[in-house]
């Protein structure tokens, strides 16, 4: 009997959940009988030979690898901190926070039912599903660190909400996604933005939007993992602490395209 490939991957223990299986498939990490799987909805016989690259990912989703790079490259210390994961999805960023010593995490997502089951039952996490980040208010505990990984919405609409919920010395890491920041005329087939100049413009505009809300840029790099459909994305570190950061968008974008394309 044939089954969906994402179901088979989860049933065979090659992913912790169907959502994680979907993430692996979209990232091009799954082969069935030696052939790359293109869609989570493809169906195969139960005895199909499955290969999953990167099966040893230390987080519940590969999203955790994005925050891991930010933590290392920006020298972030999360030990004992209260964090907020905006756009939590399956919980990759949340998992990374906890593995780096976070004391407590507010996991925020506009969706429902995607969050990893193991994390869902972790008492160090307050899961805030069906929550629109634009309307976030101050929580019971001041937030020391915020990560933002959102889709189908510009970061300029999220920055004001972040300002309302953070503590005095908070750090913010945002994932800059050109496909959701650039104008429609710059988005190509399958929602992919390939033009490096558009990437540069998006980064500069995001930094300006952040500054208009009182956030200063403290660091910039590219995500080690492409987004769905192959979009290159970027990681930016912000704080309310004033700083003149030497922004070199051209170099960061060039490095990203050279490494990931």
C-alpha atoms as a PDB file:
ATOM      1  CA  UNK A   1       0.000   0.000   0.000  1.00  0.00           C
ATOM      2  CA  UNK A   2       1.304   3.428  -0.912  1.00  0.00           C
ATOM      3  CA  UNK A   3       1.648   6.237   1.616  1.00  0.00           C
ATOM      4  CA  UNK A   4       2.678   9.878   1.535  1.00  0.00           C
ATOM      5  CA  UNK A   5       6.439  10.238   1.753  1.00  0.00           C
ATOM      6  CA  UNK A   6       6.291  12.599   4.766  1.00  0.00           C
ATOM      7  CA  UNK A   7       4.233   9.981   6.640  1.00  0.00           C
ATOM      8  CA  UNK A   8       6.689   7.208   5.767  1.00  0.00           C
ATOM      9  CA  UNK A   9       9.686   9.254   6.904  1.00  0.00           C
ATOM     10  CA  UNK A  10       8.076   9.969  10.279  1.00  0.00           C
ATOM     11  CA  UNK A  11       6.901   6.363  10.728  1.00  0.00           C
ATOM     12  CA  UNK A  12      10.390   5.017  10.009  1.00  0.00           C
ATOM     13  CA  UNK A  13      11.903   7.351  12.608  1.00  0.00           C
ATOM     14  CA  UNK A  14      13.912   9.352  10.080  1.00  0.00           C
ATOM     15  CA  UNK A  15      12.237  12.545  11.311  1.00  0.00           C
ATOM     16  CA  UNK A  16      10.605  13.382  14.638  1.00  0.00           C
ATOM     17  CA  UNK A  17       7.352  14.465  13.016  1.00  0.00           C
ATOM     18  CA  UNK A  18       5.592  14.875   9.682  1.00  0.00           C
ATOM     19  CA  UNK A  19       6.329  18.596   9.839  1.00  0.00           C
ATOM     20  CA  UNK A  20      10.037  17.912  10.200  1.00  0.00           C
ATOM     21  CA  UNK A  21       9.798  15.398   7.349  1.00  0.00           C
ATOM     22  CA  UNK A  22       8.227  18.094   5.164  1.00  0.00           C
ATOM     23  CA  UNK A  23      11.058  20.471   6.045  1.00  0.00           C
ATOM     24  CA  UNK A  24      13.649  17.884   5.020  1.00  0.00           C
ATOM     25  CA  UNK A  25      11.861  17.196   1.731  1.00  0.00           C
ATOM     26  CA  UNK A  26      11.523  20.875   0.829  1.00  0.00           C
ATOM     27  CA  UNK A  27      15.229  21.341   1.600  1.00  0.00           C
ATOM     28  CA  UNK A  28      16.060  18.590  -0.916  1.00  0.00           C
ATOM     29  CA  UNK A  29      17.470  16.214   1.692  1.00  0.00           C
ATOM     30  CA  UNK A  30      15.308  13.165   0.959  1.00  0.00           C
ATOM     31  CA  UNK A  31      15.777  10.450  -1.660  1.00  0.00           C
ATOM     32  CA  UNK A  32      13.459   7.515  -2.375  1.00  0.00           C
ATOM     33  CA  UNK A  33      15.044   4.579  -4.221  1.00  0.00           C
ATOM     34  CA  UNK A  34      17.878   6.918  -5.140  1.00  0.00           C
ATOM     35  CA  UNK A  35      15.645   9.628  -6.613  1.00  0.00           C
ATOM     36  CA  UNK A  36      15.260  13.073  -5.048  1.00  0.00           C
ATOM     37  CA  UNK A  37      11.795  13.631  -3.574  1.00  0.00           C
ATOM     38  CA  UNK A  38      10.264  16.924  -4.683  1.00  0.00           C
ATOM     39  CA  UNK A  39       7.030  17.104  -2.685  1.00  0.00           C
ATOM     40  CA  UNK A  40       5.798  15.875   0.735  1.00  0.00           C
ATOM     41  CA  UNK A  41       2.627  14.628  -0.967  1.00  0.00           C
ATOM     42  CA  UNK A  42       4.380  12.136  -3.245  1.00  0.00           C
ATOM     43  CA  UNK A  43       3.340   8.542  -2.525  1.00  0.00           C
ATOM     44  CA  UNK A  44       5.538   5.445  -2.318  1.00  0.00           C
ATOM     45  CA  UNK A  45       5.284   1.806  -1.275  1.00  0.00           C
ATOM     46  CA  UNK A  46       6.078   1.169   2.387  1.00  0.00           C
ATOM     47  CA  UNK A  47       9.212  -0.830   1.532  1.00  0.00           C
ATOM     48  CA  UNK A  48      10.776   2.034  -0.457  1.00  0.00           C
ATOM     49  CA  UNK A  49      14.443   2.667   0.319  1.00  0.00           C
ATOM     50  CA  UNK A  50      14.685   6.079   1.986  1.00  0.00           C
ATOM     51  CA  UNK A  51      17.780   8.217   2.406  1.00  0.00           C
ATOM     52  CA  UNK A  52      17.748  11.375   4.526  1.00  0.00           C
ATOM     53  CA  UNK A  53      20.767  13.663   4.442  1.00  0.00           C
ATOM     54  CA  UNK A  54      21.553  15.580   7.594  1.00  0.00           C
ATOM     55  CA  UNK A  55      19.587  13.099   9.669  1.00  0.00           C
ATOM     56  CA  UNK A  56      21.764  14.011  12.646  1.00  0.00           C
ATOM     57  CA  UNK A  57      20.410  17.572  12.910  1.00  0.00           C
ATOM     58  CA  UNK A  58      20.600  18.423  16.638  1.00  0.00           C
ATOM     59  CA  UNK A  59      17.337  20.394  16.602  1.00  0.00           C
ATOM     60  CA  UNK A  60      13.699  19.529  15.946  1.00  0.00           C
ATOM     61  CA  UNK A  61      13.993  21.338  12.610  1.00  0.00           C
ATOM     62  CA  UNK A  62      16.796  22.702  10.459  1.00  0.00           C
ATOM     63  CA  UNK A  63      15.631  26.170  11.447  1.00  0.00           C
ATOM     64  CA  UNK A  64      17.691  25.693  14.589  1.00  0.00           C
ATOM     65  CA  UNK A  65      20.829  25.728  12.457  1.00  0.00           C
ATOM     66  CA  UNK A  66      20.023  29.304  11.434  1.00  0.00           C
ATOM     67  CA  UNK A  67      19.931  30.550  15.009  1.00  0.00           C
ATOM     68  CA  UNK A  68      22.960  28.415  15.865  1.00  0.00           C
ATOM     69  CA  UNK A  69      24.995  30.363  13.314  1.00  0.00           C
ATOM     70  CA  UNK A  70      23.751  33.674  14.725  1.00  0.00           C
ATOM     71  CA  UNK A  71      24.652  32.623  18.275  1.00  0.00           C
ATOM     72  CA  UNK A  72      28.180  31.672  17.230  1.00  0.00           C
ATOM     73  CA  UNK A  73      28.876  34.483  14.775  1.00  0.00           C
ATOM     74  CA  UNK A  74      27.411  37.269  16.917  1.00  0.00           C
ATOM     75  CA  UNK A  75      28.830  35.893  20.182  1.00  0.00           C
ATOM     76  CA  UNK A  76      25.415  35.684  21.854  1.00  0.00           C
ATOM     77  CA  UNK A  77      25.105  34.337  25.396  1.00  0.00           C
ATOM     78  CA  UNK A  78      21.658  32.890  26.091  1.00  0.00           C
ATOM     79  CA  UNK A  79      22.503  31.163  29.374  1.00  0.00           C
ATOM     80  CA  UNK A  80      19.818  32.000  31.955  1.00  0.00           C
ATOM     81  CA  UNK A  81      17.948  34.336  29.613  1.00  0.00           C
ATOM     82  CA  UNK A  82      14.237  34.763  28.935  1.00  0.00           C
ATOM     83  CA  UNK A  83      13.681  34.449  25.189  1.00  0.00           C
ATOM     84  CA  UNK A  84      10.918  34.868  22.652  1.00  0.00           C
ATOM     85  CA  UNK A  85      10.741  32.907  19.397  1.00  0.00           C
ATOM     86  CA  UNK A  86       8.481  34.802  16.977  1.00  0.00           C
ATOM     87  CA  UNK A  87       7.401  32.552  14.131  1.00  0.00           C
ATOM     88  CA  UNK A  88       8.144  29.418  16.136  1.00  0.00           C
ATOM     89  CA  UNK A  89       6.627  26.940  13.639  1.00  0.00           C
ATOM     90  CA  UNK A  90       7.963  23.468  14.572  1.00  0.00           C
ATOM     91  CA  UNK A  91      10.309  24.911  17.207  1.00  0.00           C
ATOM     92  CA  UNK A  92      13.812  24.804  15.722  1.00  0.00           C
ATOM     93  CA  UNK A  93      14.783  28.228  17.102  1.00  0.00           C
ATOM     94  CA  UNK A  94      13.199  27.429  20.482  1.00  0.00           C
ATOM     95  CA  UNK A  95      15.149  24.173  20.655  1.00  0.00           C
ATOM     96  CA  UNK A  96      18.384  26.016  19.862  1.00  0.00           C
ATOM     97  CA  UNK A  97      17.661  28.580  22.593  1.00  0.00           C
ATOM     98  CA  UNK A  98      17.117  25.883  25.209  1.00  0.00           C
ATOM     99  CA  UNK A  99      20.207  23.960  24.148  1.00  0.00           C
ATOM    100  CA  UNK A 100      22.165  27.188  24.624  1.00  0.00           C
ATOM    101  CA  UNK A 101      20.950  27.539  28.201  1.00  0.00           C
ATOM    102  CA  UNK A 102      17.843  29.710  27.911  1.00  0.00           C
ATOM    103  CA  UNK A 103      15.854  29.728  31.146  1.00  0.00           C
ATOM    104  CA  UNK A 104      12.439  30.252  29.533  1.00  0.00           C
ATOM    105  CA  UNK A 105      11.029  30.708  26.023  1.00  0.00           C
ATOM    106  CA  UNK A 106       7.829  32.315  24.771  1.00  0.00           C
ATOM    107  CA  UNK A 107       7.141  30.461  21.505  1.00  0.00           C
ATOM    108  CA  UNK A 108       4.858  32.589  19.324  1.00  0.00           C
ATOM    109  CA  UNK A 109       3.195  31.528  16.084  1.00  0.00           C
ATOM    110  CA  UNK A 110       0.151  32.660  14.144  1.00  0.00           C
ATOM    111  CA  UNK A 111      -0.503  29.046  13.150  1.00  0.00           C
ATOM    112  CA  UNK A 112      -1.596  26.029  15.151  1.00  0.00           C
ATOM    113  CA  UNK A 113      -0.512  22.420  15.572  1.00  0.00           C
ATOM    114  CA  UNK A 114       2.980  22.640  14.043  1.00  0.00           C
ATOM    115  CA  UNK A 115       5.027  22.839  17.239  1.00  0.00           C
ATOM    116  CA  UNK A 116       7.092  19.754  18.068  1.00  0.00           C
ATOM    117  CA  UNK A 117       5.382  17.449  20.575  1.00  0.00           C
ATOM    118  CA  UNK A 118       8.422  17.032  22.819  1.00  0.00           C
ATOM    119  CA  UNK A 119       8.884  20.785  23.116  1.00  0.00           C
ATOM    120  CA  UNK A 120       5.144  21.289  23.543  1.00  0.00           C
ATOM    121  CA  UNK A 121       5.412  19.426  26.856  1.00  0.00           C
ATOM    122  CA  UNK A 122       8.523  21.269  28.090  1.00  0.00           C
ATOM    123  CA  UNK A 123       7.715  23.410  31.147  1.00  0.00           C
ATOM    124  CA  UNK A 124      10.374  25.929  30.145  1.00  0.00           C
ATOM    125  CA  UNK A 125       8.216  26.955  27.189  1.00  0.00           C
ATOM    126  CA  UNK A 126       5.028  28.985  27.012  1.00  0.00           C
ATOM    127  CA  UNK A 127       3.459  28.138  23.661  1.00  0.00           C
ATOM    128  CA  UNK A 128       1.472  31.036  22.205  1.00  0.00           C
ATOM    129  CA  UNK A 129      -0.257  29.644  19.120  1.00  0.00           C
ATOM    130  CA  UNK A 130      -2.787  31.546  17.018  1.00  0.00           C
ATOM    131  CA  UNK A 131      -0.999  34.736  18.078  1.00  0.00           C
ATOM    132  CA  UNK A 132      -0.356  37.562  15.612  1.00  0.00           C
ATOM    133  CA  UNK A 133       3.061  38.981  16.487  1.00  0.00           C
ATOM    134  CA  UNK A 134       2.000  42.469  15.380  1.00  0.00           C
ATOM    135  CA  UNK A 135      -0.187  42.748  18.465  1.00  0.00           C
ATOM    136  CA  UNK A 136       2.165  41.331  21.091  1.00  0.00           C
ATOM    137  CA  UNK A 137       2.209  43.047  24.468  1.00  0.00           C
ATOM    138  CA  UNK A 138       4.609  42.894  27.412  1.00  0.00           C
ATOM    139  CA  UNK A 139       4.714  39.448  29.034  1.00  0.00           C
ATOM    140  CA  UNK A 140       5.043  38.410  32.692  1.00  0.00           C
ATOM    141  CA  UNK A 141       8.822  38.360  32.365  1.00  0.00           C
ATOM    142  CA  UNK A 142      11.026  40.930  30.596  1.00  0.00           C
ATOM    143  CA  UNK A 143      12.416  39.374  27.419  1.00  0.00           C
ATOM    144  CA  UNK A 144      16.214  39.325  27.072  1.00  0.00           C
ATOM    145  CA  UNK A 145      16.440  37.858  23.588  1.00  0.00           C
ATOM    146  CA  UNK A 146      14.084  37.729  20.603  1.00  0.00           C
ATOM    147  CA  UNK A 147      14.359  35.765  17.376  1.00  0.00           C
ATOM    148  CA  UNK A 148      12.113  36.507  14.403  1.00  0.00           C
ATOM    149  CA  UNK A 149      11.469  34.070  11.552  1.00  0.00           C
ATOM    150  CA  UNK A 150       8.205  35.123   9.919  1.00  0.00           C
ATOM    151  CA  UNK A 151       6.703  34.631   6.458  1.00  0.00           C
ATOM    152  CA  UNK A 152       4.197  36.548   4.325  1.00  0.00           C
ATOM    153  CA  UNK A 153       4.738  39.689   6.405  1.00  0.00           C
ATOM    154  CA  UNK A 154       7.397  42.405   6.425  1.00  0.00           C
ATOM    155  CA  UNK A 155       9.646  42.842   9.440  1.00  0.00           C
ATOM    156  CA  UNK A 156       8.718  46.538   9.526  1.00  0.00           C
ATOM    157  CA  UNK A 157       5.339  45.461  10.926  1.00  0.00           C
ATOM    158  CA  UNK A 158       6.978  43.360  13.656  1.00  0.00           C
ATOM    159  CA  UNK A 159       9.594  45.816  14.976  1.00  0.00           C
ATOM    160  CA  UNK A 160       7.096  48.013  16.910  1.00  0.00           C
ATOM    161  CA  UNK A 161       5.750  44.965  18.747  1.00  0.00           C
ATOM    162  CA  UNK A 162       9.262  43.850  19.690  1.00  0.00           C
ATOM    163  CA  UNK A 163       9.945  47.246  21.235  1.00  0.00           C
ATOM    164  CA  UNK A 164       6.925  46.759  23.510  1.00  0.00           C
ATOM    165  CA  UNK A 165       8.008  43.409  24.952  1.00  0.00           C
ATOM    166  CA  UNK A 166      11.791  43.578  25.393  1.00  0.00           C
ATOM    167  CA  UNK A 167      13.895  44.290  28.456  1.00  0.00           C
ATOM    168  CA  UNK A 168      16.509  47.043  28.662  1.00  0.00           C
ATOM    169  CA  UNK A 169      19.513  45.103  27.326  1.00  0.00           C
ATOM    170  CA  UNK A 170      17.724  42.801  24.914  1.00  0.00           C
ATOM    171  CA  UNK A 171      19.215  41.486  21.692  1.00  0.00           C
ATOM    172  CA  UNK A 172      17.123  40.694  18.616  1.00  0.00           C
ATOM    173  CA  UNK A 173      18.017  38.354  15.753  1.00  0.00           C
ATOM    174  CA  UNK A 174      15.815  38.656  12.685  1.00  0.00           C
ATOM    175  CA  UNK A 175      15.788  36.490   9.603  1.00  0.00           C
ATOM    176  CA  UNK A 176      15.604  38.817   6.596  1.00  0.00           C
ATOM    177  CA  UNK A 177      13.691  37.136   3.773  1.00  0.00           C
ATOM    178  CA  UNK A 178      13.901  38.990   0.439  1.00  0.00           C
ATOM    179  CA  UNK A 179      10.886  37.098  -0.915  1.00  0.00           C
ATOM    180  CA  UNK A 180       8.654  38.783   1.698  1.00  0.00           C
ATOM    181  CA  UNK A 181      10.354  42.195   1.743  1.00  0.00           C
ATOM    182  CA  UNK A 182      10.873  42.970  -1.950  1.00  0.00           C
ATOM    183  CA  UNK A 183       8.119  44.253  -4.211  1.00  0.00           C
ATOM    184  CA  UNK A 184       6.154  41.704  -6.209  1.00  0.00           C
ATOM    185  CA  UNK A 185       7.883  42.774  -9.398  1.00  0.00           C
ATOM    186  CA  UNK A 186      11.176  41.423  -8.011  1.00  0.00           C
ATOM    187  CA  UNK A 187       9.862  37.998  -7.000  1.00  0.00           C
ATOM    188  CA  UNK A 188      10.431  35.348  -9.655  1.00  0.00           C
ATOM    189  CA  UNK A 189       9.032  31.906 -10.325  1.00  0.00           C
ATOM    190  CA  UNK A 190       8.086  29.835  -7.279  1.00  0.00           C
ATOM    191  CA  UNK A 191       8.520  32.922  -5.090  1.00  0.00           C
ATOM    192  CA  UNK A 192      12.301  33.080  -5.407  1.00  0.00           C
ATOM    193  CA  UNK A 193      14.286  36.344  -5.442  1.00  0.00           C
ATOM    194  CA  UNK A 194      17.605  35.719  -7.193  1.00  0.00           C
ATOM    195  CA  UNK A 195      18.881  39.229  -7.991  1.00  0.00           C
ATOM    196  CA  UNK A 196      21.745  40.092  -5.628  1.00  0.00           C
ATOM    197  CA  UNK A 197      21.040  43.819  -5.990  1.00  0.00           C
ATOM    198  CA  UNK A 198      17.483  43.265  -4.762  1.00  0.00           C
ATOM    199  CA  UNK A 199      18.888  41.385  -1.764  1.00  0.00           C
ATOM    200  CA  UNK A 200      21.169  44.319  -0.967  1.00  0.00           C
ATOM    201  CA  UNK A 201      18.303  46.794  -1.224  1.00  0.00           C
ATOM    202  CA  UNK A 202      16.087  44.654   1.020  1.00  0.00           C
ATOM    203  CA  UNK A 203      18.766  44.457   3.710  1.00  0.00           C
ATOM    204  CA  UNK A 204      19.362  48.215   3.666  1.00  0.00           C
ATOM    205  CA  UNK A 205      15.626  48.919   3.830  1.00  0.00           C
ATOM    206  CA  UNK A 206      15.198  46.497   6.744  1.00  0.00           C
ATOM    207  CA  UNK A 207      18.000  48.209   8.661  1.00  0.00           C
ATOM    208  CA  UNK A 208      16.337  51.587   8.028  1.00  0.00           C
ATOM    209  CA  UNK A 209      12.965  50.246   9.151  1.00  0.00           C
ATOM    210  CA  UNK A 210      14.539  48.915  12.337  1.00  0.00           C
ATOM    211  CA  UNK A 211      16.280  52.223  13.036  1.00  0.00           C
ATOM    212  CA  UNK A 212      13.008  54.121  12.640  1.00  0.00           C
ATOM    213  CA  UNK A 213      11.647  51.988  15.507  1.00  0.00           C
ATOM    214  CA  UNK A 214      14.704  52.569  17.709  1.00  0.00           C
ATOM    215  CA  UNK A 215      16.811  49.500  16.869  1.00  0.00           C
ATOM    216  CA  UNK A 216      20.474  49.706  15.862  1.00  0.00           C
ATOM    217  CA  UNK A 217      22.245  47.113  13.729  1.00  0.00           C
ATOM    218  CA  UNK A 218      24.956  45.182  15.592  1.00  0.00           C
ATOM    219  CA  UNK A 219      25.682  42.360  13.161  1.00  0.00           C
ATOM    220  CA  UNK A 220      24.860  40.899   9.750  1.00  0.00           C
ATOM    221  CA  UNK A 221      25.494  37.552   8.068  1.00  0.00           C
ATOM    222  CA  UNK A 222      23.692  35.091   5.813  1.00  0.00           C
ATOM    223  CA  UNK A 223      21.656  32.088   6.869  1.00  0.00           C
ATOM    224  CA  UNK A 224      23.474  28.753   6.398  1.00  0.00           C
ATOM    225  CA  UNK A 225      20.183  27.151   5.318  1.00  0.00           C
ATOM    226  CA  UNK A 226      18.115  28.244   2.338  1.00  0.00           C
ATOM    227  CA  UNK A 227      14.425  28.882   2.787  1.00  0.00           C
ATOM    228  CA  UNK A 228      11.680  26.953   0.993  1.00  0.00           C
ATOM    229  CA  UNK A 229      12.088  26.899  -2.798  1.00  0.00           C
ATOM    230  CA  UNK A 230      15.736  27.882  -2.467  1.00  0.00           C
ATOM    231  CA  UNK A 231      15.593  31.481  -1.250  1.00  0.00           C
ATOM    232  CA  UNK A 232      18.785  32.872   0.271  1.00  0.00           C
ATOM    233  CA  UNK A 233      18.060  34.600   3.591  1.00  0.00           C
ATOM    234  CA  UNK A 234      20.033  36.768   6.011  1.00  0.00           C
ATOM    235  CA  UNK A 235      20.529  37.064   9.773  1.00  0.00           C
ATOM    236  CA  UNK A 236      20.673  40.488  11.412  1.00  0.00           C
ATOM    237  CA  UNK A 237      21.414  41.367  15.041  1.00  0.00           C
ATOM    238  CA  UNK A 238      19.704  44.429  16.521  1.00  0.00           C
ATOM    239  CA  UNK A 239      19.677  46.211  19.876  1.00  0.00           C
ATOM    240  CA  UNK A 240      18.406  49.489  21.301  1.00  0.00           C
ATOM    241  CA  UNK A 241      22.025  50.212  22.245  1.00  0.00           C
ATOM    242  CA  UNK A 242      23.331  52.850  19.782  1.00  0.00           C
ATOM    243  CA  UNK A 243      26.080  51.659  17.468  1.00  0.00           C
ATOM    244  CA  UNK A 244      27.646  52.688  14.169  1.00  0.00           C
ATOM    245  CA  UNK A 245      27.862  49.313  12.455  1.00  0.00           C
ATOM    246  CA  UNK A 246      29.988  49.177   9.269  1.00  0.00           C
ATOM    247  CA  UNK A 247      27.233  47.844   7.005  1.00  0.00           C
ATOM    248  CA  UNK A 248      28.640  46.127   3.915  1.00  0.00           C
ATOM    249  CA  UNK A 249      25.598  44.607   2.253  1.00  0.00           C
ATOM    250  CA  UNK A 250      27.413  43.969  -1.016  1.00  0.00           C
ATOM    251  CA  UNK A 251      30.023  41.743   0.646  1.00  0.00           C
ATOM    252  CA  UNK A 252      27.518  39.785   2.739  1.00  0.00           C
ATOM    253  CA  UNK A 253      25.277  39.162  -0.270  1.00  0.00           C
ATOM    254  CA  UNK A 254      28.255  38.193  -2.418  1.00  0.00           C
ATOM    255  CA  UNK A 255      29.428  35.727   0.234  1.00  0.00           C
ATOM    256  CA  UNK A 256      25.938  34.241   0.521  1.00  0.00           C
ATOM    257  CA  UNK A 257      25.500  33.742  -3.212  1.00  0.00           C
ATOM    258  CA  UNK A 258      29.001  32.310  -3.544  1.00  0.00           C
ATOM    259  CA  UNK A 259      28.442  29.800  -0.762  1.00  0.00           C
ATOM    260  CA  UNK A 260      24.817  28.776  -1.316  1.00  0.00           C
ATOM    261  CA  UNK A 261      24.341  28.950  -5.102  1.00  0.00           C
END
